[in-house]
């Protein structure tokens, strides 16, 4: 029900010769939130910007999209003011059919590279989640990614439920939702936390698919090779008593 999130420093937009990073960050530096703790070093100036996005992605995973990227404005080519056009658009702008490129350290380079281009970028494509260091002289860019299911903290019961679902599907691939539920006894569905019913099962399946552990075709569910590896790794962490209780 939750995801692990990593933030990786991918580039500096500023001039490091003139304005070096005083925290000593380098391209490739990574910090990970695994569900209960952060692992890695990060400049304290970046933490206040990073934490809210990490929390959102911890809950939503790769489904998270920056709110502004829902707006078609971000996927239009550049415009200039043209009062004669006000009778058409209500404000008075004209489209410029070209991508405008600014000098290397121009402030306009802080916008996403897919915004305001000609031809326009596909607004339905991948959405990058990024944080830029507030010291705009160096402007370190961190890209965030939900890279795995969270198996720590209070996410443990949900992760276990998802792994057991993978195990059942390996034994009987191609089941749809109702068929999956029938592989669990009433006691297993209702007395083990979290409750497993038709209301919550689709969420479990969607998250497994998002992480590449499950392939869903026409409503039927198949465990992928990646899912088999993740399940095998999970089983190695269990005691014999736990394996018996979970029927693994």
C-alpha atoms as a PDB file:
ATOM      1  CA  UNK A   1       0.000   0.000   0.000  1.00  0.00           C
ATOM      2  CA  UNK A   2       3.060   2.267   0.041  1.00  0.00           C
ATOM      3  CA  UNK A   3       6.298   2.736  -1.838  1.00  0.00           C
ATOM      4  CA  UNK A   4       9.973   3.263  -1.247  1.00  0.00           C
ATOM      5  CA  UNK A   5      11.194   6.537  -2.752  1.00  0.00           C
ATOM      6  CA  UNK A   6      14.643   7.682  -3.800  1.00  0.00           C
ATOM      7  CA  UNK A   7      15.874  11.144  -4.704  1.00  0.00           C
ATOM      8  CA  UNK A   8      18.955  11.303  -6.920  1.00  0.00           C
ATOM      9  CA  UNK A   9      21.017  14.378  -7.768  1.00  0.00           C
ATOM     10  CA  UNK A  10      21.168  14.326 -11.578  1.00  0.00           C
ATOM     11  CA  UNK A  11      22.687  17.703 -12.485  1.00  0.00           C
ATOM     12  CA  UNK A  12      23.653  21.215 -11.426  1.00  0.00           C
ATOM     13  CA  UNK A  13      22.037  23.979 -13.462  1.00  0.00           C
ATOM     14  CA  UNK A  14      24.243  26.662 -11.930  1.00  0.00           C
ATOM     15  CA  UNK A  15      27.908  27.566 -12.358  1.00  0.00           C
ATOM     16  CA  UNK A  16      29.827  25.405  -9.863  1.00  0.00           C
ATOM     17  CA  UNK A  17      33.119  27.125 -10.690  1.00  0.00           C
ATOM     18  CA  UNK A  18      31.753  30.411  -9.390  1.00  0.00           C
ATOM     19  CA  UNK A  19      29.276  29.031  -6.869  1.00  0.00           C
ATOM     20  CA  UNK A  20      30.308  25.620  -5.531  1.00  0.00           C
ATOM     21  CA  UNK A  21      27.903  23.480  -3.518  1.00  0.00           C
ATOM     22  CA  UNK A  22      28.921  24.139   0.103  1.00  0.00           C
ATOM     23  CA  UNK A  23      27.405  20.840   1.233  1.00  0.00           C
ATOM     24  CA  UNK A  24      29.724  19.022  -1.135  1.00  0.00           C
ATOM     25  CA  UNK A  25      27.026  17.286  -3.126  1.00  0.00           C
ATOM     26  CA  UNK A  26      27.993  15.491  -6.329  1.00  0.00           C
ATOM     27  CA  UNK A  27      25.971  14.224  -9.273  1.00  0.00           C
ATOM     28  CA  UNK A  28      24.782  10.740  -8.377  1.00  0.00           C
ATOM     29  CA  UNK A  29      24.233  11.409  -4.673  1.00  0.00           C
ATOM     30  CA  UNK A  30      21.110   9.540  -3.571  1.00  0.00           C
ATOM     31  CA  UNK A  31      18.876   9.540  -0.508  1.00  0.00           C
ATOM     32  CA  UNK A  32      16.238   6.823   0.025  1.00  0.00           C
ATOM     33  CA  UNK A  33      13.100   6.722   2.161  1.00  0.00           C
ATOM     34  CA  UNK A  34      12.429   3.033   2.781  1.00  0.00           C
ATOM     35  CA  UNK A  35       9.165   3.384   4.689  1.00  0.00           C
ATOM     36  CA  UNK A  36      10.577   4.048   8.142  1.00  0.00           C
ATOM     37  CA  UNK A  37      13.805   6.006   7.725  1.00  0.00           C
ATOM     38  CA  UNK A  38      15.869   8.072   5.327  1.00  0.00           C
ATOM     39  CA  UNK A  39      19.176   6.598   4.176  1.00  0.00           C
ATOM     40  CA  UNK A  40      21.798   8.903   2.707  1.00  0.00           C
ATOM     41  CA  UNK A  41      23.130  12.423   3.163  1.00  0.00           C
ATOM     42  CA  UNK A  42      21.251  15.494   1.982  1.00  0.00           C
ATOM     43  CA  UNK A  43      21.770  19.232   2.319  1.00  0.00           C
ATOM     44  CA  UNK A  44      19.398  20.626   5.008  1.00  0.00           C
ATOM     45  CA  UNK A  45      18.278  23.355   2.594  1.00  0.00           C
ATOM     46  CA  UNK A  46      16.736  20.659   0.373  1.00  0.00           C
ATOM     47  CA  UNK A  47      14.923  18.691   3.090  1.00  0.00           C
ATOM     48  CA  UNK A  48      11.893  21.041   3.411  1.00  0.00           C
ATOM     49  CA  UNK A  49      11.287  20.829  -0.347  1.00  0.00           C
ATOM     50  CA  UNK A  50      11.932  17.122  -0.638  1.00  0.00           C
ATOM     51  CA  UNK A  51       9.918  15.736   2.285  1.00  0.00           C
ATOM     52  CA  UNK A  52       6.393  16.670   1.066  1.00  0.00           C
ATOM     53  CA  UNK A  53       7.018  15.114  -2.350  1.00  0.00           C
ATOM     54  CA  UNK A  54       8.554  11.999  -0.805  1.00  0.00           C
ATOM     55  CA  UNK A  55       5.472  11.606   1.379  1.00  0.00           C
ATOM     56  CA  UNK A  56       3.153  12.009  -1.623  1.00  0.00           C
ATOM     57  CA  UNK A  57       5.098   9.443  -3.641  1.00  0.00           C
ATOM     58  CA  UNK A  58       5.329   7.119  -0.639  1.00  0.00           C
ATOM     59  CA  UNK A  59       1.519   7.008  -0.708  1.00  0.00           C
ATOM     60  CA  UNK A  60       0.894   7.215  -4.463  1.00  0.00           C
ATOM     61  CA  UNK A  61       4.031   5.771  -6.025  1.00  0.00           C
ATOM     62  CA  UNK A  62       4.451   6.382  -9.760  1.00  0.00           C
ATOM     63  CA  UNK A  63       0.815   7.498  -9.903  1.00  0.00           C
ATOM     64  CA  UNK A  64       1.882  10.842  -8.408  1.00  0.00           C
ATOM     65  CA  UNK A  65       1.874  13.733 -10.878  1.00  0.00           C
ATOM     66  CA  UNK A  66       2.839  17.328 -10.117  1.00  0.00           C
ATOM     67  CA  UNK A  67      -0.402  19.378 -10.082  1.00  0.00           C
ATOM     68  CA  UNK A  68       0.818  21.857 -12.707  1.00  0.00           C
ATOM     69  CA  UNK A  69       1.384  19.023 -15.174  1.00  0.00           C
ATOM     70  CA  UNK A  70      -2.355  18.491 -15.390  1.00  0.00           C
ATOM     71  CA  UNK A  71      -2.568  21.937 -17.007  1.00  0.00           C
ATOM     72  CA  UNK A  72      -2.363  22.012 -20.834  1.00  0.00           C
ATOM     73  CA  UNK A  73      -0.449  25.312 -20.595  1.00  0.00           C
ATOM     74  CA  UNK A  74       2.743  23.354 -19.806  1.00  0.00           C
ATOM     75  CA  UNK A  75       2.529  21.488 -23.108  1.00  0.00           C
ATOM     76  CA  UNK A  76       1.929  24.469 -25.406  1.00  0.00           C
ATOM     77  CA  UNK A  77       4.597  26.133 -27.543  1.00  0.00           C
ATOM     78  CA  UNK A  78       5.862  29.612 -26.519  1.00  0.00           C
ATOM     79  CA  UNK A  79       3.664  32.674 -26.934  1.00  0.00           C
ATOM     80  CA  UNK A  80       4.103  36.463 -27.158  1.00  0.00           C
ATOM     81  CA  UNK A  81       1.648  39.247 -26.418  1.00  0.00           C
ATOM     82  CA  UNK A  82      -0.482  40.335 -29.379  1.00  0.00           C
ATOM     83  CA  UNK A  83      -3.425  42.614 -28.486  1.00  0.00           C
ATOM     84  CA  UNK A  84      -5.006  42.019 -31.902  1.00  0.00           C
ATOM     85  CA  UNK A  85      -5.642  38.395 -30.865  1.00  0.00           C
ATOM     86  CA  UNK A  86      -7.688  39.305 -27.800  1.00  0.00           C
ATOM     87  CA  UNK A  87     -10.903  39.006 -29.794  1.00  0.00           C
ATOM     88  CA  UNK A  88     -10.073  35.315 -30.248  1.00  0.00           C
ATOM     89  CA  UNK A  89      -8.560  34.107 -26.941  1.00  0.00           C
ATOM     90  CA  UNK A  90      -9.858  36.780 -24.577  1.00  0.00           C
ATOM     91  CA  UNK A  91      -6.390  37.881 -23.417  1.00  0.00           C
ATOM     92  CA  UNK A  92      -4.288  38.647 -26.485  1.00  0.00           C
ATOM     93  CA  UNK A  93      -1.497  36.148 -27.202  1.00  0.00           C
ATOM     94  CA  UNK A  94       0.092  34.677 -30.324  1.00  0.00           C
ATOM     95  CA  UNK A  95       1.793  31.302 -30.627  1.00  0.00           C
ATOM     96  CA  UNK A  96       5.459  31.169 -31.632  1.00  0.00           C
ATOM     97  CA  UNK A  97       6.155  27.960 -33.539  1.00  0.00           C
ATOM     98  CA  UNK A  98       9.674  27.386 -32.268  1.00  0.00           C
ATOM     99  CA  UNK A  99      11.456  26.184 -29.158  1.00  0.00           C
ATOM    100  CA  UNK A 100      13.310  29.024 -27.482  1.00  0.00           C
ATOM    101  CA  UNK A 101      16.702  28.229 -26.016  1.00  0.00           C
ATOM    102  CA  UNK A 102      18.325  30.482 -23.442  1.00  0.00           C
ATOM    103  CA  UNK A 103      21.993  30.789 -22.380  1.00  0.00           C
ATOM    104  CA  UNK A 104      23.278  28.082 -20.051  1.00  0.00           C
ATOM    105  CA  UNK A 105      22.658  29.853 -16.746  1.00  0.00           C
ATOM    106  CA  UNK A 106      19.453  31.703 -17.691  1.00  0.00           C
ATOM    107  CA  UNK A 107      16.655  31.438 -15.108  1.00  0.00           C
ATOM    108  CA  UNK A 108      14.286  30.082 -17.785  1.00  0.00           C
ATOM    109  CA  UNK A 109      16.274  26.839 -17.703  1.00  0.00           C
ATOM    110  CA  UNK A 110      14.666  26.073 -14.327  1.00  0.00           C
ATOM    111  CA  UNK A 111      11.467  24.994 -16.078  1.00  0.00           C
ATOM    112  CA  UNK A 112      11.008  21.338 -17.092  1.00  0.00           C
ATOM    113  CA  UNK A 113      12.730  20.676 -20.449  1.00  0.00           C
ATOM    114  CA  UNK A 114       9.480  19.312 -21.901  1.00  0.00           C
ATOM    115  CA  UNK A 115       7.557  22.549 -21.260  1.00  0.00           C
ATOM    116  CA  UNK A 116       6.873  25.199 -23.920  1.00  0.00           C
ATOM    117  CA  UNK A 117       8.447  23.391 -26.884  1.00  0.00           C
ATOM    118  CA  UNK A 118       7.689  23.157 -30.574  1.00  0.00           C
ATOM    119  CA  UNK A 119       6.460  20.706 -31.569  1.00  0.00           C
ATOM    120  CA  UNK A 120       4.616  20.248 -28.259  1.00  0.00           C
ATOM    121  CA  UNK A 121       5.524  17.343 -26.007  1.00  0.00           C
ATOM    122  CA  UNK A 122       2.949  14.624 -25.364  1.00  0.00           C
ATOM    123  CA  UNK A 123       1.009  15.681 -22.278  1.00  0.00           C
ATOM    124  CA  UNK A 124       0.158  12.055 -21.493  1.00  0.00           C
ATOM    125  CA  UNK A 125       3.784  10.923 -21.328  1.00  0.00           C
ATOM    126  CA  UNK A 126       6.007  10.235 -18.291  1.00  0.00           C
ATOM    127  CA  UNK A 127       5.897  12.928 -15.637  1.00  0.00           C
ATOM    128  CA  UNK A 128       9.204  13.679 -13.899  1.00  0.00           C
ATOM    129  CA  UNK A 129       9.060  14.692 -10.230  1.00  0.00           C
ATOM    130  CA  UNK A 130      11.953  16.970  -9.324  1.00  0.00           C
ATOM    131  CA  UNK A 131      13.228  19.248  -6.578  1.00  0.00           C
ATOM    132  CA  UNK A 132      15.705  22.062  -7.185  1.00  0.00           C
ATOM    133  CA  UNK A 133      17.996  23.276  -4.410  1.00  0.00           C
ATOM    134  CA  UNK A 134      16.902  26.758  -3.214  1.00  0.00           C
ATOM    135  CA  UNK A 135      20.434  28.079  -3.720  1.00  0.00           C
ATOM    136  CA  UNK A 136      19.806  28.998  -7.336  1.00  0.00           C
ATOM    137  CA  UNK A 137      23.443  29.868  -7.909  1.00  0.00           C
ATOM    138  CA  UNK A 138      24.218  26.136  -8.063  1.00  0.00           C
ATOM    139  CA  UNK A 139      20.672  24.773  -8.552  1.00  0.00           C
ATOM    140  CA  UNK A 140      21.155  21.099  -7.792  1.00  0.00           C
ATOM    141  CA  UNK A 141      18.380  19.055  -9.427  1.00  0.00           C
ATOM    142  CA  UNK A 142      17.065  15.979  -7.612  1.00  0.00           C
ATOM    143  CA  UNK A 143      14.810  13.522  -9.463  1.00  0.00           C
ATOM    144  CA  UNK A 144      12.414  11.476  -7.314  1.00  0.00           C
ATOM    145  CA  UNK A 145      11.340   7.935  -8.112  1.00  0.00           C
ATOM    146  CA  UNK A 146       9.104   5.381  -6.398  1.00  0.00           C
ATOM    147  CA  UNK A 147      11.230   2.314  -7.078  1.00  0.00           C
ATOM    148  CA  UNK A 148       9.787  -0.476  -4.941  1.00  0.00           C
ATOM    149  CA  UNK A 149       7.022  -1.406  -2.527  1.00  0.00           C
ATOM    150  CA  UNK A 150       7.670  -0.380   1.063  1.00  0.00           C
ATOM    151  CA  UNK A 151       8.342  -3.319   3.374  1.00  0.00           C
ATOM    152  CA  UNK A 152       9.201  -1.357   6.505  1.00  0.00           C
ATOM    153  CA  UNK A 153       7.374   0.377   9.352  1.00  0.00           C
ATOM    154  CA  UNK A 154       3.583   0.136   9.360  1.00  0.00           C
ATOM    155  CA  UNK A 155       3.671  -0.957   5.706  1.00  0.00           C
ATOM    156  CA  UNK A 156       4.834  -4.459   6.670  1.00  0.00           C
ATOM    157  CA  UNK A 157       1.349  -6.090   6.870  1.00  0.00           C
ATOM    158  CA  UNK A 158       0.327  -4.668   3.482  1.00  0.00           C
ATOM    159  CA  UNK A 159       3.564  -5.754   1.826  1.00  0.00           C
ATOM    160  CA  UNK A 160       3.158  -9.265   3.242  1.00  0.00           C
ATOM    161  CA  UNK A 161      -0.383  -9.429   1.901  1.00  0.00           C
ATOM    162  CA  UNK A 162       0.873  -8.473  -1.565  1.00  0.00           C
ATOM    163  CA  UNK A 163       3.645 -11.073  -1.485  1.00  0.00           C
ATOM    164  CA  UNK A 164       1.175 -13.800  -0.472  1.00  0.00           C
ATOM    165  CA  UNK A 165      -1.070 -12.759  -3.364  1.00  0.00           C
ATOM    166  CA  UNK A 166       1.911 -13.203  -5.716  1.00  0.00           C
ATOM    167  CA  UNK A 167       2.555 -16.645  -4.248  1.00  0.00           C
ATOM    168  CA  UNK A 168      -1.054 -17.737  -4.792  1.00  0.00           C
ATOM    169  CA  UNK A 169      -0.987 -16.425  -8.367  1.00  0.00           C
ATOM    170  CA  UNK A 170       2.204 -18.322  -9.096  1.00  0.00           C
ATOM    171  CA  UNK A 171       0.413 -21.506  -8.097  1.00  0.00           C
ATOM    172  CA  UNK A 172      -2.613 -20.646 -10.227  1.00  0.00           C
ATOM    173  CA  UNK A 173      -1.803 -17.985 -12.851  1.00  0.00           C
ATOM    174  CA  UNK A 174      -4.404 -16.107 -14.849  1.00  0.00           C
ATOM    175  CA  UNK A 175      -6.948 -15.629 -12.095  1.00  0.00           C
ATOM    176  CA  UNK A 176      -9.217 -12.594 -12.023  1.00  0.00           C
ATOM    177  CA  UNK A 177     -10.133 -10.752  -8.817  1.00  0.00           C
ATOM    178  CA  UNK A 178     -12.878 -13.093  -7.609  1.00  0.00           C
ATOM    179  CA  UNK A 179     -10.711 -16.100  -8.314  1.00  0.00           C
ATOM    180  CA  UNK A 180      -7.885 -14.649  -6.240  1.00  0.00           C
ATOM    181  CA  UNK A 181     -10.158 -14.057  -3.265  1.00  0.00           C
ATOM    182  CA  UNK A 182     -11.413 -17.642  -3.438  1.00  0.00           C
ATOM    183  CA  UNK A 183      -7.842 -18.866  -2.921  1.00  0.00           C
ATOM    184  CA  UNK A 184      -8.006 -17.416   0.592  1.00  0.00           C
ATOM    185  CA  UNK A 185     -10.246 -18.847   3.292  1.00  0.00           C
ATOM    186  CA  UNK A 186     -12.743 -16.587   5.072  1.00  0.00           C
ATOM    187  CA  UNK A 187     -10.447 -16.638   8.088  1.00  0.00           C
ATOM    188  CA  UNK A 188      -7.435 -15.645   5.982  1.00  0.00           C
ATOM    189  CA  UNK A 189      -9.348 -12.805   4.350  1.00  0.00           C
ATOM    190  CA  UNK A 190     -10.948 -11.377   7.473  1.00  0.00           C
ATOM    191  CA  UNK A 191      -8.802 -12.251  10.481  1.00  0.00           C
ATOM    192  CA  UNK A 192      -5.382 -11.329   9.081  1.00  0.00           C
ATOM    193  CA  UNK A 193      -4.520  -7.634   8.903  1.00  0.00           C
ATOM    194  CA  UNK A 194      -5.075  -6.051   6.478  1.00  0.00           C
ATOM    195  CA  UNK A 195      -8.585  -7.187   5.558  1.00  0.00           C
ATOM    196  CA  UNK A 196      -8.678  -8.659   2.069  1.00  0.00           C
ATOM    197  CA  UNK A 197     -11.878  -8.067   0.158  1.00  0.00           C
ATOM    198  CA  UNK A 198     -13.078  -6.937  -3.273  1.00  0.00           C
ATOM    199  CA  UNK A 199     -12.808  -3.297  -2.185  1.00  0.00           C
ATOM    200  CA  UNK A 200      -9.077  -3.372  -1.457  1.00  0.00           C
ATOM    201  CA  UNK A 201      -7.794  -6.166  -3.718  1.00  0.00           C
ATOM    202  CA  UNK A 202      -7.667  -3.966  -6.862  1.00  0.00           C
ATOM    203  CA  UNK A 203      -5.351  -1.548  -5.042  1.00  0.00           C
ATOM    204  CA  UNK A 204      -2.957  -4.358  -4.128  1.00  0.00           C
ATOM    205  CA  UNK A 205      -2.982  -5.639  -7.716  1.00  0.00           C
ATOM    206  CA  UNK A 206      -2.467  -2.190  -9.233  1.00  0.00           C
ATOM    207  CA  UNK A 207       0.566  -1.501  -7.052  1.00  0.00           C
ATOM    208  CA  UNK A 208       2.077  -4.882  -7.902  1.00  0.00           C
ATOM    209  CA  UNK A 209       1.601  -4.080 -11.575  1.00  0.00           C
ATOM    210  CA  UNK A 210       3.116  -0.595 -11.184  1.00  0.00           C
ATOM    211  CA  UNK A 211       6.292  -2.148  -9.770  1.00  0.00           C
ATOM    212  CA  UNK A 212       6.466  -4.689 -12.587  1.00  0.00           C
ATOM    213  CA  UNK A 213       5.713  -7.651 -10.323  1.00  0.00           C
ATOM    214  CA  UNK A 214       2.402  -8.432 -11.972  1.00  0.00           C
ATOM    215  CA  UNK A 215       1.158  -8.417 -15.545  1.00  0.00           C
ATOM    216  CA  UNK A 216      -2.577  -7.828 -15.905  1.00  0.00           C
ATOM    217  CA  UNK A 217      -4.133  -8.825 -19.239  1.00  0.00           C
ATOM    218  CA  UNK A 218      -7.887  -8.568 -19.803  1.00  0.00           C
ATOM    219  CA  UNK A 219      -8.450  -8.624 -16.068  1.00  0.00           C
ATOM    220  CA  UNK A 220      -6.338 -11.756 -15.593  1.00  0.00           C
ATOM    221  CA  UNK A 221      -3.251 -11.653 -13.398  1.00  0.00           C
ATOM    222  CA  UNK A 222       0.166 -13.181 -14.102  1.00  0.00           C
ATOM    223  CA  UNK A 223       3.305 -12.951 -11.974  1.00  0.00           C
ATOM    224  CA  UNK A 224       6.313 -11.609 -13.896  1.00  0.00           C
ATOM    225  CA  UNK A 225       9.920 -12.829 -13.602  1.00  0.00           C
ATOM    226  CA  UNK A 226      10.661  -9.705 -11.589  1.00  0.00           C
ATOM    227  CA  UNK A 227       7.779 -10.596  -9.287  1.00  0.00           C
ATOM    228  CA  UNK A 228       9.116 -14.126  -8.839  1.00  0.00           C
ATOM    229  CA  UNK A 229      12.506 -12.737  -7.783  1.00  0.00           C
ATOM    230  CA  UNK A 230      10.913 -10.292  -5.317  1.00  0.00           C
ATOM    231  CA  UNK A 231       8.784 -13.058  -3.830  1.00  0.00           C
ATOM    232  CA  UNK A 232      11.796 -15.333  -3.476  1.00  0.00           C
ATOM    233  CA  UNK A 233      13.722 -12.579  -1.699  1.00  0.00           C
ATOM    234  CA  UNK A 234      10.797 -11.987   0.646  1.00  0.00           C
ATOM    235  CA  UNK A 235      10.507 -15.665   1.556  1.00  0.00           C
ATOM    236  CA  UNK A 236      14.153 -15.705   2.646  1.00  0.00           C
ATOM    237  CA  UNK A 237      13.336 -13.146   5.365  1.00  0.00           C
ATOM    238  CA  UNK A 238      10.679 -15.343   6.999  1.00  0.00           C
ATOM    239  CA  UNK A 239      11.003 -17.799   9.846  1.00  0.00           C
ATOM    240  CA  UNK A 240       9.665 -21.349   9.435  1.00  0.00           C
ATOM    241  CA  UNK A 241       6.751 -20.391  11.704  1.00  0.00           C
ATOM    242  CA  UNK A 242       5.873 -17.414   9.499  1.00  0.00           C
ATOM    243  CA  UNK A 243       6.085 -19.478   6.313  1.00  0.00           C
ATOM    244  CA  UNK A 244       3.717 -22.040   7.817  1.00  0.00           C
ATOM    245  CA  UNK A 245       1.261 -19.343   8.956  1.00  0.00           C
ATOM    246  CA  UNK A 246       1.244 -17.708   5.525  1.00  0.00           C
ATOM    247  CA  UNK A 247       1.205 -21.066   3.692  1.00  0.00           C
ATOM    248  CA  UNK A 248       4.319 -20.185   1.700  1.00  0.00           C
END
